[in-house]
Amino acid sequence: MKYNIDKWLDYKDMMVQIASEYRKKYPMVEADDLQQEMYLWFVTHPNKFKEWDALDEKDKNKLMAKSLRNQCLKYCEKEKAKNQGYDLTDLYYYDVSVVEAFLPSIITESYEMPTKIKDLNLKFNNGAINDGMNWLALRSDIAKGYYRLPESKQNILRLRYMNEQTEWSELAEHMGTSSADGARKKVERALASIVQNLGGWRAYFDQDIQDENQETKQEEV
């Protein structure tokens, strides 16, 4: 039996706050539409909501806020693409692995085709290698995203990708952080900033929707 989804009303204030937050970041979306998207989360995840509702207030609210923000981010990225006239499904450089493949050549200002690109073609083109000279255009786009970063984040990526064999513990010292995990997080944040400079994260495909529907059916059983 479905969990009582009317409990979403308990999170109305949180939803209003999150909608306002994303409305500022993505002016092409409406706050009411964002709240509707968050309401859909409650409709499609009754079991998960029921499980979290049994937790203490702090943990429950933290998990809820994270899931509602993710729901808003999915919607906002799609609307941003629609508003600016590009098709997310055609732009595979939003995948971090593609950005990482190009960074060494961008940082060293080399124009040789990165060796990893053939492997990435196999990953994203279902086994077909069809580079032509498209990798140069791709490199140019990623370079723009890189050079739009503040100098501090560019330096973090230089430290990481000028010599990828350097141990994380050593990188941590150069980055002014106390641990290898801290260095990894700094690199991850810098990479995420490039992805955002390029327009956003990888598109959400129909398969995601299909999986989500399947999850809903399982939860209703």
N, C-alpha and C. Protein backbone atom coordinates (compact mmCIF):
# COMPACT_ATOMS: atom_id res chain seq x y z
N MET A 1 0.84 -1.20 0.00
CA MET A 1 0.00 0.00 0.00
C MET A 1 0.88 1.24 0.00
N LYS A 2 0.46 2.29 -0.72
CA LYS A 2 1.24 3.51 -0.77
C LYS A 2 1.28 4.20 0.59
N TYR A 3 2.45 4.79 0.87
CA TYR A 3 2.55 5.60 2.08
C TYR A 3 1.77 6.89 1.85
N ASN A 4 1.25 7.47 2.89
CA ASN A 4 0.44 8.67 2.78
C ASN A 4 1.26 9.85 2.26
N ILE A 5 1.11 10.17 0.98
CA ILE A 5 1.93 11.21 0.39
C ILE A 5 1.49 12.61 0.81
N ASP A 6 0.36 12.72 1.52
CA ASP A 6 -0.04 14.03 2.01
C ASP A 6 0.96 14.60 3.01
N LYS A 7 1.84 13.76 3.51
CA LYS A 7 2.86 14.22 4.43
C LYS A 7 3.83 15.20 3.78
N TRP A 8 3.80 15.31 2.45
CA TRP A 8 4.66 16.28 1.78
C TRP A 8 4.39 17.69 2.27
N LEU A 9 3.19 17.92 2.80
CA LEU A 9 2.84 19.24 3.31
C LEU A 9 3.74 19.66 4.47
N ASP A 10 4.30 18.65 5.18
CA ASP A 10 5.23 18.96 6.27
C ASP A 10 6.50 19.63 5.76
N TYR A 11 6.75 19.46 4.44
CA TYR A 11 7.99 19.99 3.86
C TYR A 11 7.72 21.16 2.92
N LYS A 12 6.54 21.74 3.05
CA LYS A 12 6.16 22.84 2.16
C LYS A 12 7.14 24.01 2.27
N ASP A 13 7.52 24.37 3.50
CA ASP A 13 8.45 25.50 3.68
C ASP A 13 9.80 25.18 3.05
N MET A 14 10.27 23.93 3.21
CA MET A 14 11.54 23.53 2.61
C MET A 14 11.46 23.62 1.09
N MET A 15 10.34 23.19 0.53
CA MET A 15 10.17 23.21 -0.91
C MET A 15 10.16 24.64 -1.45
N VAL A 16 9.52 25.53 -0.73
CA VAL A 16 9.49 26.94 -1.13
C VAL A 16 10.90 27.52 -1.12
N GLN A 17 11.66 27.20 -0.08
CA GLN A 17 13.02 27.70 0.03
C GLN A 17 13.92 27.17 -1.09
N ILE A 18 13.81 25.86 -1.37
CA ILE A 18 14.64 25.26 -2.42
C ILE A 18 14.23 25.80 -3.80
N ALA A 19 12.94 25.97 -4.01
CA ALA A 19 12.47 26.53 -5.29
C ALA A 19 13.03 27.93 -5.50
N SER A 20 13.05 28.73 -4.43
CA SER A 20 13.60 30.08 -4.52
C SER A 20 15.09 30.05 -4.83
N GLU A 21 15.78 29.10 -4.22
CA GLU A 21 17.23 28.94 -4.42
C GLU A 21 17.55 28.63 -5.87
N TYR A 22 16.81 27.69 -6.47
CA TYR A 22 17.09 27.31 -7.85
C TYR A 22 16.53 28.32 -8.85
N ARG A 23 15.51 29.04 -8.46
CA ARG A 23 14.97 30.11 -9.32
C ARG A 23 16.02 31.20 -9.54
N LYS A 24 16.83 31.45 -8.53
CA LYS A 24 17.89 32.45 -8.66
C LYS A 24 19.00 31.96 -9.58
N LYS A 25 19.31 30.66 -9.51
CA LYS A 25 20.38 30.10 -10.34
C LYS A 25 19.93 29.90 -11.78
N TYR A 26 18.64 29.59 -11.95
CA TYR A 26 18.09 29.29 -13.28
C TYR A 26 16.86 30.19 -13.52
N PRO A 27 17.08 31.44 -13.93
CA PRO A 27 15.96 32.38 -14.08
C PRO A 27 14.95 32.00 -15.14
N MET A 28 15.28 30.99 -15.99
CA MET A 28 14.34 30.58 -17.03
C MET A 28 13.25 29.66 -16.48
N VAL A 29 13.33 29.25 -15.22
CA VAL A 29 12.32 28.36 -14.64
C VAL A 29 11.44 29.14 -13.66
N GLU A 30 10.25 28.62 -13.43
CA GLU A 30 9.31 29.24 -12.50
C GLU A 30 9.31 28.48 -11.18
N ALA A 31 9.17 29.22 -10.09
CA ALA A 31 9.19 28.61 -8.76
C ALA A 31 8.05 27.59 -8.61
N ASP A 32 6.90 27.90 -9.17
CA ASP A 32 5.75 26.98 -9.07
C ASP A 32 6.06 25.65 -9.76
N ASP A 33 6.75 25.72 -10.90
CA ASP A 33 7.11 24.50 -11.62
C ASP A 33 8.10 23.67 -10.81
N LEU A 34 9.02 24.34 -10.13
CA LEU A 34 9.98 23.63 -9.30
C LEU A 34 9.30 22.94 -8.13
N GLN A 35 8.33 23.60 -7.53
CA GLN A 35 7.60 22.99 -6.43
C GLN A 35 6.80 21.78 -6.92
N GLN A 36 6.26 21.88 -8.12
CA GLN A 36 5.54 20.74 -8.70
C GLN A 36 6.48 19.55 -8.92
N GLU A 37 7.70 19.83 -9.39
CA GLU A 37 8.68 18.77 -9.57
C GLU A 37 9.02 18.10 -8.25
N MET A 38 9.14 18.89 -7.20
CA MET A 38 9.46 18.31 -5.89
C MET A 38 8.28 17.49 -5.36
N TYR A 39 7.08 17.95 -5.64
CA TYR A 39 5.90 17.17 -5.23
C TYR A 39 5.92 15.80 -5.91
N LEU A 40 6.36 15.76 -7.17
CA LEU A 40 6.43 14.50 -7.90
C LEU A 40 7.40 13.52 -7.25
N TRP A 41 8.42 14.06 -6.57
CA TRP A 41 9.35 13.18 -5.88
C TRP A 41 8.60 12.38 -4.81
N PHE A 42 7.73 13.05 -4.06
CA PHE A 42 6.97 12.36 -3.02
C PHE A 42 6.04 11.31 -3.62
N VAL A 43 5.46 11.63 -4.76
CA VAL A 43 4.54 10.70 -5.42
C VAL A 43 5.26 9.45 -5.90
N THR A 44 6.49 9.63 -6.41
CA THR A 44 7.20 8.51 -7.03
C THR A 44 8.13 7.75 -6.08
N HIS A 45 8.29 8.23 -4.84
CA HIS A 45 9.19 7.57 -3.89
C HIS A 45 8.53 7.36 -2.52
N PRO A 46 7.35 6.75 -2.48
CA PRO A 46 6.65 6.60 -1.20
C PRO A 46 7.39 5.74 -0.19
N ASN A 47 8.02 4.65 -0.64
CA ASN A 47 8.72 3.78 0.30
C ASN A 47 9.96 4.44 0.89
N LYS A 48 10.68 5.15 0.04
CA LYS A 48 11.87 5.84 0.52
C LYS A 48 11.48 6.91 1.54
N PHE A 49 10.41 7.63 1.25
CA PHE A 49 9.94 8.66 2.17
C PHE A 49 9.51 8.04 3.50
N LYS A 50 8.85 6.91 3.41
CA LYS A 50 8.41 6.22 4.63
C LYS A 50 9.62 5.80 5.48
N GLU A 51 10.65 5.30 4.82
CA GLU A 51 11.87 4.87 5.53
C GLU A 51 12.53 6.06 6.22
N TRP A 52 12.65 7.17 5.51
CA TRP A 52 13.30 8.35 6.09
C TRP A 52 12.46 8.99 7.18
N ASP A 53 11.15 8.85 7.08
CA ASP A 53 10.26 9.47 8.06
C ASP A 53 10.46 8.86 9.45
N ALA A 54 11.07 7.68 9.48
CA ALA A 54 11.32 7.02 10.77
C ALA A 54 12.62 7.49 11.42
N LEU A 55 13.43 8.27 10.71
CA LEU A 55 14.70 8.76 11.24
C LEU A 55 14.47 9.97 12.13
N ASP A 56 15.53 10.37 12.84
CA ASP A 56 15.40 11.59 13.64
C ASP A 56 15.30 12.79 12.70
N GLU A 57 14.82 13.88 13.23
CA GLU A 57 14.46 15.05 12.42
C GLU A 57 15.63 15.59 11.60
N LYS A 58 16.81 15.66 12.20
CA LYS A 58 17.97 16.24 11.50
C LYS A 58 18.38 15.40 10.30
N ASP A 59 18.51 14.08 10.51
CA ASP A 59 18.92 13.19 9.41
C ASP A 59 17.86 13.14 8.32
N LYS A 60 16.60 13.10 8.73
CA LYS A 60 15.49 13.05 7.78
C LYS A 60 15.49 14.30 6.89
N ASN A 61 15.62 15.46 7.51
CA ASN A 61 15.58 16.71 6.75
C ASN A 61 16.78 16.84 5.81
N LYS A 62 17.93 16.33 6.25
CA LYS A 62 19.12 16.39 5.40
C LYS A 62 18.94 15.56 4.14
N LEU A 63 18.44 14.33 4.30
CA LEU A 63 18.20 13.45 3.16
C LEU A 63 17.12 14.01 2.25
N MET A 64 16.08 14.55 2.86
CA MET A 64 14.97 15.09 2.08
C MET A 64 15.42 16.28 1.23
N ALA A 65 16.18 17.17 1.86
CA ALA A 65 16.65 18.36 1.14
C ALA A 65 17.55 17.97 -0.03
N LYS A 66 18.42 16.98 0.18
CA LYS A 66 19.32 16.54 -0.90
C LYS A 66 18.53 15.97 -2.08
N SER A 67 17.53 15.14 -1.79
CA SER A 67 16.73 14.53 -2.86
C SER A 67 15.90 15.57 -3.61
N LEU A 68 15.33 16.51 -2.87
CA LEU A 68 14.52 17.55 -3.51
C LEU A 68 15.39 18.47 -4.37
N ARG A 69 16.61 18.75 -3.91
CA ARG A 69 17.52 19.57 -4.72
C ARG A 69 17.91 18.83 -5.99
N ASN A 70 18.17 17.53 -5.88
CA ASN A 70 18.50 16.75 -7.07
C ASN A 70 17.35 16.76 -8.08
N GLN A 71 16.12 16.67 -7.57
CA GLN A 71 14.95 16.71 -8.43
C GLN A 71 14.88 18.04 -9.17
N CYS A 72 15.16 19.12 -8.46
CA CYS A 72 15.14 20.45 -9.08
C CYS A 72 16.25 20.60 -10.10
N LEU A 73 17.44 20.07 -9.77
CA LEU A 73 18.57 20.20 -10.69
C LEU A 73 18.29 19.51 -12.02
N LYS A 74 17.71 18.32 -11.99
CA LYS A 74 17.35 17.61 -13.21
C LYS A 74 16.45 18.49 -14.08
N TYR A 75 15.42 19.03 -13.45
CA TYR A 75 14.46 19.84 -14.19
C TYR A 75 15.12 21.10 -14.74
N CYS A 76 15.92 21.76 -13.92
CA CYS A 76 16.54 23.02 -14.34
C CYS A 76 17.50 22.83 -15.51
N GLU A 77 18.29 21.74 -15.48
CA GLU A 77 19.23 21.52 -16.57
C GLU A 77 18.51 21.27 -17.89
N LYS A 78 17.41 20.55 -17.83
CA LYS A 78 16.62 20.32 -19.04
C LYS A 78 16.03 21.62 -19.57
N GLU A 79 15.49 22.43 -18.66
CA GLU A 79 14.89 23.70 -19.08
C GLU A 79 15.95 24.68 -19.60
N LYS A 80 17.12 24.64 -19.01
CA LYS A 80 18.20 25.51 -19.47
C LYS A 80 18.59 25.15 -20.91
N ALA A 81 18.73 23.86 -21.18
CA ALA A 81 19.06 23.41 -22.53
C ALA A 81 17.99 23.84 -23.53
N LYS A 82 16.74 23.66 -23.14
CA LYS A 82 15.62 24.03 -24.01
C LYS A 82 15.62 25.54 -24.27
N ASN A 83 15.88 26.33 -23.23
CA ASN A 83 15.86 27.78 -23.33
C ASN A 83 17.00 28.32 -24.20
N GLN A 84 18.18 27.68 -24.08
CA GLN A 84 19.35 28.19 -24.80
C GLN A 84 19.55 27.51 -26.15
N GLY A 85 18.68 26.54 -26.46
CA GLY A 85 18.68 25.99 -27.81
C GLY A 85 19.72 24.94 -28.11
N TYR A 86 20.16 24.20 -27.09
CA TYR A 86 21.07 23.10 -27.39
C TYR A 86 20.47 21.79 -26.90
N ASP A 87 20.94 20.70 -27.48
CA ASP A 87 20.43 19.38 -27.16
C ASP A 87 21.43 18.66 -26.28
N LEU A 88 21.07 18.42 -25.04
CA LEU A 88 22.00 17.78 -24.11
C LEU A 88 22.46 16.42 -24.60
N THR A 89 21.61 15.70 -25.29
CA THR A 89 21.98 14.35 -25.72
C THR A 89 23.08 14.36 -26.77
N ASP A 90 23.34 15.51 -27.40
CA ASP A 90 24.39 15.60 -28.40
C ASP A 90 25.72 16.07 -27.81
N LEU A 91 25.75 16.45 -26.56
CA LEU A 91 26.94 17.07 -25.99
C LEU A 91 27.53 16.17 -24.93
N TYR A 92 28.33 15.19 -25.36
CA TYR A 92 28.80 14.24 -24.36
C TYR A 92 29.95 14.75 -23.52
N TYR A 93 30.43 15.97 -23.80
CA TYR A 93 31.54 16.46 -22.99
C TYR A 93 31.10 16.89 -21.60
N TYR A 94 29.82 16.76 -21.29
CA TYR A 94 29.41 17.01 -19.91
C TYR A 94 29.87 15.87 -18.99
N ASP A 95 30.23 14.75 -19.56
CA ASP A 95 30.72 13.66 -18.74
C ASP A 95 32.13 14.00 -18.25
N VAL A 96 32.36 13.86 -16.95
CA VAL A 96 33.63 14.25 -16.35
C VAL A 96 34.80 13.48 -16.95
N SER A 97 34.59 12.21 -17.32
CA SER A 97 35.68 11.42 -17.88
C SER A 97 36.19 12.01 -19.18
N VAL A 98 35.31 12.65 -19.96
CA VAL A 98 35.73 13.28 -21.21
C VAL A 98 36.54 14.54 -20.90
N VAL A 99 36.07 15.33 -19.94
CA VAL A 99 36.80 16.53 -19.53
C VAL A 99 38.20 16.14 -19.05
N GLU A 100 38.28 15.10 -18.24
CA GLU A 100 39.58 14.66 -17.71
C GLU A 100 40.52 14.20 -18.83
N ALA A 101 39.97 13.58 -19.86
CA ALA A 101 40.79 13.10 -20.97
C ALA A 101 41.50 14.25 -21.69
N PHE A 102 40.84 15.39 -21.75
CA PHE A 102 41.39 16.53 -22.49
C PHE A 102 42.26 17.45 -21.63
N LEU A 103 42.09 17.44 -20.32
CA LEU A 103 42.77 18.42 -19.48
C LEU A 103 44.30 18.41 -19.61
N PRO A 104 44.96 17.25 -19.64
CA PRO A 104 46.42 17.29 -19.77
C PRO A 104 46.88 18.05 -21.01
N SER A 105 46.21 17.83 -22.15
CA SER A 105 46.62 18.52 -23.37
C SER A 105 46.29 20.01 -23.31
N ILE A 106 45.19 20.35 -22.66
CA ILE A 106 44.81 21.76 -22.53
C ILE A 106 45.79 22.49 -21.63
N ILE A 107 46.13 21.87 -20.51
CA ILE A 107 47.04 22.49 -19.55
C ILE A 107 48.44 22.66 -20.13
N THR A 108 48.89 21.66 -20.91
CA THR A 108 50.23 21.74 -21.51
C THR A 108 50.21 22.41 -22.88
N GLU A 109 49.02 22.82 -23.33
CA GLU A 109 48.84 23.48 -24.63
C GLU A 109 49.34 22.61 -25.77
N SER A 110 49.01 21.32 -25.67
CA SER A 110 49.34 20.37 -26.73
C SER A 110 48.11 20.14 -27.60
N TYR A 111 48.33 19.98 -28.91
CA TYR A 111 47.21 19.76 -29.82
C TYR A 111 47.24 18.37 -30.43
N GLU A 112 47.92 17.45 -29.78
CA GLU A 112 47.87 16.07 -30.21
C GLU A 112 46.60 15.43 -29.65
N MET A 113 46.03 14.54 -30.44
CA MET A 113 44.80 13.88 -30.00
C MET A 113 45.08 13.03 -28.76
N PRO A 114 44.39 13.29 -27.65
CA PRO A 114 44.62 12.50 -26.43
C PRO A 114 44.36 11.02 -26.66
N THR A 115 45.21 10.18 -26.11
CA THR A 115 45.08 8.74 -26.33
C THR A 115 43.79 8.17 -25.77
N LYS A 116 43.24 8.84 -24.76
CA LYS A 116 42.03 8.33 -24.12
C LYS A 116 40.77 8.53 -24.96
N ILE A 117 40.86 9.40 -25.97
CA ILE A 117 39.65 9.75 -26.71
C ILE A 117 39.09 8.55 -27.48
N LYS A 118 39.94 7.71 -28.02
CA LYS A 118 39.43 6.52 -28.73
C LYS A 118 38.64 5.63 -27.79
N ASP A 119 39.16 5.46 -26.57
CA ASP A 119 38.43 4.66 -25.59
C ASP A 119 37.10 5.30 -25.25
N LEU A 120 37.10 6.62 -25.15
CA LEU A 120 35.85 7.32 -24.82
C LEU A 120 34.85 7.24 -25.97
N ASN A 121 35.36 7.23 -27.19
CA ASN A 121 34.46 7.04 -28.34
C ASN A 121 33.75 5.70 -28.25
N LEU A 122 34.49 4.68 -27.87
CA LEU A 122 33.87 3.36 -27.71
C LEU A 122 32.81 3.40 -26.62
N LYS A 123 33.08 4.19 -25.58
CA LYS A 123 32.15 4.27 -24.45
C LYS A 123 30.87 5.00 -24.83
N PHE A 124 31.00 6.10 -25.56
CA PHE A 124 29.83 6.95 -25.81
C PHE A 124 29.17 6.72 -27.17
N ASN A 125 29.84 6.04 -28.08
CA ASN A 125 29.27 5.84 -29.42
C ASN A 125 28.95 4.38 -29.69
N ASN A 126 28.72 3.62 -28.63
CA ASN A 126 28.30 2.21 -28.77
C ASN A 126 29.25 1.39 -29.63
N GLY A 127 30.54 1.62 -29.45
CA GLY A 127 31.54 0.81 -30.14
C GLY A 127 32.02 1.38 -31.45
N ALA A 128 31.39 2.42 -31.96
CA ALA A 128 31.80 3.00 -33.25
C ALA A 128 32.81 4.11 -33.02
N ILE A 129 33.95 4.05 -33.72
CA ILE A 129 34.94 5.11 -33.64
C ILE A 129 34.72 6.05 -34.81
N ASN A 130 34.40 7.29 -34.51
CA ASN A 130 34.04 8.23 -35.57
C ASN A 130 34.48 9.63 -35.15
N ASP A 131 35.81 9.81 -35.03
CA ASP A 131 36.32 11.08 -34.54
C ASP A 131 36.31 12.18 -35.58
N GLY A 132 36.79 11.87 -36.80
CA GLY A 132 37.01 12.93 -37.76
C GLY A 132 37.92 13.96 -37.10
N MET A 133 37.55 15.22 -37.20
CA MET A 133 38.29 16.26 -36.49
C MET A 133 37.42 16.84 -35.38
N ASN A 134 36.37 16.14 -34.98
CA ASN A 134 35.47 16.66 -33.96
C ASN A 134 36.15 16.84 -32.62
N TRP A 135 37.20 16.08 -32.36
CA TRP A 135 37.87 16.19 -31.07
C TRP A 135 38.51 17.55 -30.88
N LEU A 136 38.89 18.21 -31.98
CA LEU A 136 39.47 19.55 -31.86
C LEU A 136 38.42 20.56 -31.40
N ALA A 137 37.20 20.43 -31.93
CA ALA A 137 36.11 21.31 -31.49
C ALA A 137 35.77 21.02 -30.04
N LEU A 138 35.78 19.75 -29.70
CA LEU A 138 35.49 19.34 -28.35
C LEU A 138 36.55 19.89 -27.39
N ARG A 139 37.81 19.77 -27.79
CA ARG A 139 38.91 20.30 -26.98
C ARG A 139 38.75 21.80 -26.77
N SER A 140 38.36 22.50 -27.83
CA SER A 140 38.19 23.95 -27.74
C SER A 140 37.11 24.32 -26.74
N ASP A 141 36.00 23.60 -26.75
CA ASP A 141 34.91 23.88 -25.82
C ASP A 141 35.35 23.65 -24.38
N ILE A 142 36.03 22.53 -24.15
CA ILE A 142 36.46 22.21 -22.79
C ILE A 142 37.52 23.22 -22.33
N ALA A 143 38.38 23.66 -23.24
CA ALA A 143 39.38 24.67 -22.89
C ALA A 143 38.70 25.97 -22.44
N LYS A 144 37.63 26.35 -23.12
CA LYS A 144 36.90 27.56 -22.71
C LYS A 144 36.36 27.40 -21.29
N GLY A 145 35.81 26.20 -21.01
CA GLY A 145 35.31 25.95 -19.67
C GLY A 145 36.42 26.01 -18.63
N TYR A 146 37.59 25.52 -19.00
CA TYR A 146 38.75 25.54 -18.09
C TYR A 146 39.22 26.96 -17.83
N TYR A 147 39.37 27.75 -18.88
CA TYR A 147 39.91 29.10 -18.72
C TYR A 147 38.92 30.07 -18.07
N ARG A 148 37.67 29.66 -17.97
CA ARG A 148 36.69 30.48 -17.25
C ARG A 148 36.75 30.23 -15.74
N LEU A 149 37.51 29.23 -15.32
CA LEU A 149 37.65 28.96 -13.88
C LEU A 149 38.50 30.05 -13.23
N PRO A 150 38.28 30.31 -11.94
CA PRO A 150 39.20 31.19 -11.22
C PRO A 150 40.59 30.57 -11.18
N GLU A 151 41.61 31.40 -11.02
CA GLU A 151 42.99 30.93 -11.04
C GLU A 151 43.24 29.83 -10.01
N SER A 152 42.59 29.94 -8.86
CA SER A 152 42.81 28.95 -7.80
C SER A 152 42.39 27.55 -8.25
N LYS A 153 41.25 27.44 -8.97
CA LYS A 153 40.80 26.13 -9.44
C LYS A 153 41.64 25.65 -10.62
N GLN A 154 42.09 26.57 -11.46
CA GLN A 154 43.00 26.17 -12.54
C GLN A 154 44.28 25.57 -11.96
N ASN A 155 44.79 26.18 -10.89
CA ASN A 155 46.02 25.69 -10.26
C ASN A 155 45.82 24.28 -9.69
N ILE A 156 44.65 24.03 -9.11
CA ILE A 156 44.35 22.70 -8.56
C ILE A 156 44.40 21.66 -9.67
N LEU A 157 43.82 21.99 -10.82
CA LEU A 157 43.80 21.04 -11.94
C LEU A 157 45.18 20.90 -12.58
N ARG A 158 45.96 21.97 -12.57
CA ARG A 158 47.34 21.86 -13.08
C ARG A 158 48.14 20.87 -12.23
N LEU A 159 48.01 21.02 -10.92
CA LEU A 159 48.72 20.12 -10.01
C LEU A 159 48.33 18.67 -10.25
N ARG A 160 47.04 18.45 -10.51
CA ARG A 160 46.54 17.07 -10.68
C ARG A 160 46.93 16.48 -12.03
N TYR A 161 46.80 17.27 -13.11
CA TYR A 161 46.91 16.70 -14.45
C TYR A 161 48.23 16.99 -15.18
N MET A 162 49.09 17.81 -14.60
CA MET A 162 50.42 17.97 -15.19
C MET A 162 51.23 16.68 -15.01
N ASN A 163 50.96 15.99 -13.90
CA ASN A 163 51.61 14.70 -13.66
C ASN A 163 50.63 13.82 -12.88
N GLU A 164 49.88 13.00 -13.60
CA GLU A 164 48.82 12.21 -12.98
C GLU A 164 49.36 11.08 -12.10
N GLN A 165 50.67 10.87 -12.13
CA GLN A 165 51.26 9.81 -11.30
C GLN A 165 51.55 10.30 -9.88
N THR A 166 51.43 11.58 -9.64
CA THR A 166 51.72 12.13 -8.31
C THR A 166 50.72 11.57 -7.30
N GLU A 167 51.23 11.18 -6.14
CA GLU A 167 50.38 10.63 -5.09
C GLU A 167 49.45 11.71 -4.54
N TRP A 168 48.24 11.29 -4.16
CA TRP A 168 47.27 12.24 -3.62
C TRP A 168 47.77 12.90 -2.34
N SER A 169 48.51 12.16 -1.54
CA SER A 169 49.03 12.74 -0.29
C SER A 169 49.99 13.88 -0.58
N GLU A 170 50.78 13.73 -1.64
CA GLU A 170 51.70 14.80 -2.04
C GLU A 170 50.94 15.98 -2.60
N LEU A 171 49.90 15.69 -3.40
CA LEU A 171 49.07 16.77 -3.94
C LEU A 171 48.39 17.56 -2.82
N ALA A 172 48.00 16.85 -1.76
CA ALA A 172 47.33 17.51 -0.64
C ALA A 172 48.21 18.59 -0.05
N GLU A 173 49.52 18.32 0.06
CA GLU A 173 50.44 19.32 0.60
C GLU A 173 50.48 20.56 -0.28
N HIS A 174 50.57 20.35 -1.58
CA HIS A 174 50.64 21.48 -2.52
C HIS A 174 49.33 22.26 -2.56
N MET A 175 48.21 21.55 -2.32
CA MET A 175 46.90 22.21 -2.37
C MET A 175 46.50 22.84 -1.04
N GLY A 176 47.34 22.65 -0.03
CA GLY A 176 47.06 23.27 1.27
C GLY A 176 45.93 22.61 2.02
N THR A 177 45.77 21.29 1.82
CA THR A 177 44.75 20.56 2.55
C THR A 177 45.42 19.45 3.35
N SER A 178 44.75 18.95 4.36
CA SER A 178 45.39 18.06 5.33
C SER A 178 45.34 16.58 4.94
N SER A 179 44.59 16.22 3.92
CA SER A 179 44.44 14.80 3.60
C SER A 179 44.30 14.57 2.11
N ALA A 180 44.52 13.31 1.71
CA ALA A 180 44.34 12.92 0.31
C ALA A 180 42.89 13.09 -0.11
N ASP A 181 41.96 12.76 0.79
CA ASP A 181 40.54 12.94 0.47
C ASP A 181 40.21 14.40 0.23
N GLY A 182 40.82 15.28 1.00
CA GLY A 182 40.60 16.71 0.80
C GLY A 182 41.08 17.16 -0.56
N ALA A 183 42.22 16.62 -1.02
CA ALA A 183 42.74 16.95 -2.35
C ALA A 183 41.80 16.44 -3.43
N ARG A 184 41.30 15.22 -3.26
CA ARG A 184 40.37 14.65 -4.24
C ARG A 184 39.12 15.52 -4.36
N LYS A 185 38.60 15.97 -3.23
CA LYS A 185 37.39 16.79 -3.24
C LYS A 185 37.63 18.12 -3.94
N LYS A 186 38.80 18.69 -3.76
CA LYS A 186 39.12 19.95 -4.45
C LYS A 186 39.14 19.75 -5.95
N VAL A 187 39.73 18.63 -6.38
CA VAL A 187 39.77 18.32 -7.82
C VAL A 187 38.36 18.08 -8.34
N GLU A 188 37.56 17.33 -7.60
CA GLU A 188 36.18 17.05 -8.02
C GLU A 188 35.38 18.34 -8.16
N ARG A 189 35.56 19.26 -7.22
CA ARG A 189 34.82 20.54 -7.30
C ARG A 189 35.26 21.35 -8.50
N ALA A 190 36.57 21.34 -8.79
CA ALA A 190 37.07 22.08 -9.95
C ALA A 190 36.54 21.48 -11.25
N LEU A 191 36.51 20.14 -11.33
CA LEU A 191 35.96 19.48 -12.51
C LEU A 191 34.47 19.79 -12.66
N ALA A 192 33.75 19.79 -11.54
CA ALA A 192 32.32 20.11 -11.58
C ALA A 192 32.10 21.53 -12.09
N SER A 193 33.00 22.43 -11.75
CA SER A 193 32.87 23.82 -12.22
C SER A 193 33.05 23.90 -13.73
N ILE A 194 33.95 23.09 -14.28
CA ILE A 194 34.11 23.06 -15.75
C ILE A 194 32.83 22.56 -16.39
N VAL A 195 32.28 21.49 -15.85
CA VAL A 195 31.04 20.93 -16.39
C VAL A 195 29.94 21.99 -16.39
N GLN A 196 29.83 22.73 -15.30
CA GLN A 196 28.81 23.78 -15.23
C GLN A 196 29.11 24.89 -16.23
N ASN A 197 30.38 25.23 -16.43
CA ASN A 197 30.74 26.24 -17.43
C ASN A 197 30.38 25.79 -18.84
N LEU A 198 30.33 24.49 -19.06
CA LEU A 198 29.99 23.96 -20.38
C LEU A 198 28.48 23.86 -20.59
N GLY A 199 27.70 24.13 -19.55
CA GLY A 199 26.25 24.13 -19.72
C GLY A 199 25.51 23.21 -18.78
N GLY A 200 26.17 22.28 -18.12
CA GLY A 200 25.46 21.43 -17.19
C GLY A 200 25.87 19.98 -17.29
N TRP A 201 25.19 19.16 -16.53
CA TRP A 201 25.53 17.75 -16.45
C TRP A 201 24.93 16.96 -17.60
N ARG A 202 25.36 15.72 -17.71
CA ARG A 202 24.87 14.81 -18.76
C ARG A 202 23.35 14.74 -18.73
N ALA A 203 22.77 14.60 -19.89
CA ALA A 203 21.31 14.56 -20.00
C ALA A 203 20.74 13.35 -19.27
N TYR A 204 19.49 13.47 -18.86
CA TYR A 204 18.78 12.36 -18.27
C TYR A 204 17.96 11.69 -19.38
N PHE A 205 18.27 10.43 -19.68
CA PHE A 205 17.68 9.76 -20.82
C PHE A 205 16.36 9.07 -20.45
N ASP A 206 15.67 8.62 -21.47
CA ASP A 206 14.40 7.93 -21.24
C ASP A 206 14.57 6.73 -20.31
N GLN A 207 15.75 6.10 -20.39
CA GLN A 207 15.99 4.92 -19.56
C GLN A 207 15.89 5.27 -18.08
N ASP A 208 16.33 6.49 -17.70
CA ASP A 208 16.22 6.91 -16.32
C ASP A 208 14.77 6.99 -15.89
N ILE A 209 13.94 7.52 -16.79
CA ILE A 209 12.51 7.63 -16.49
C ILE A 209 11.89 6.25 -16.37
N GLN A 210 12.32 5.36 -17.25
CA GLN A 210 11.80 3.99 -17.22
C GLN A 210 12.17 3.32 -15.89
N ASP A 211 13.42 3.49 -15.48
CA ASP A 211 13.86 2.91 -14.21
C ASP A 211 13.09 3.49 -13.05
N GLU A 212 12.83 4.81 -13.12
CA GLU A 212 12.11 5.48 -12.05
C GLU A 212 10.68 4.95 -11.97
N ASN A 213 10.05 4.75 -13.12
CA ASN A 213 8.71 4.19 -13.12
C ASN A 213 8.69 2.78 -12.55
N GLN A 214 9.74 2.02 -12.90
CA GLN A 214 9.84 0.66 -12.39
C GLN A 214 9.96 0.66 -10.88
N GLU A 215 10.75 1.63 -10.36
CA GLU A 215 10.91 1.74 -8.92
C GLU A 215 9.58 2.06 -8.26
N THR A 216 8.80 2.94 -8.91
CA THR A 216 7.49 3.31 -8.37
C THR A 216 6.58 2.10 -8.29
N LYS A 217 6.59 1.28 -9.37
CA LYS A 217 5.73 0.08 -9.37
C LYS A 217 6.11 -0.88 -8.26
N GLN A 218 7.42 -1.03 -8.03
CA GLN A 218 7.88 -1.91 -6.98
C GLN A 218 7.47 -1.40 -5.61
N GLU A 219 7.49 -0.08 -5.45
CA GLU A 219 7.15 0.50 -4.16
C GLU A 219 5.66 0.36 -3.85
N GLU A 220 4.84 0.32 -4.90
CA GLU A 220 3.40 0.24 -4.68
C GLU A 220 2.94 -1.18 -4.33
N VAL A 221 3.81 -2.16 -4.59
CA VAL A 221 3.44 -3.54 -4.31
C VAL A 221 3.32 -3.78 -2.81
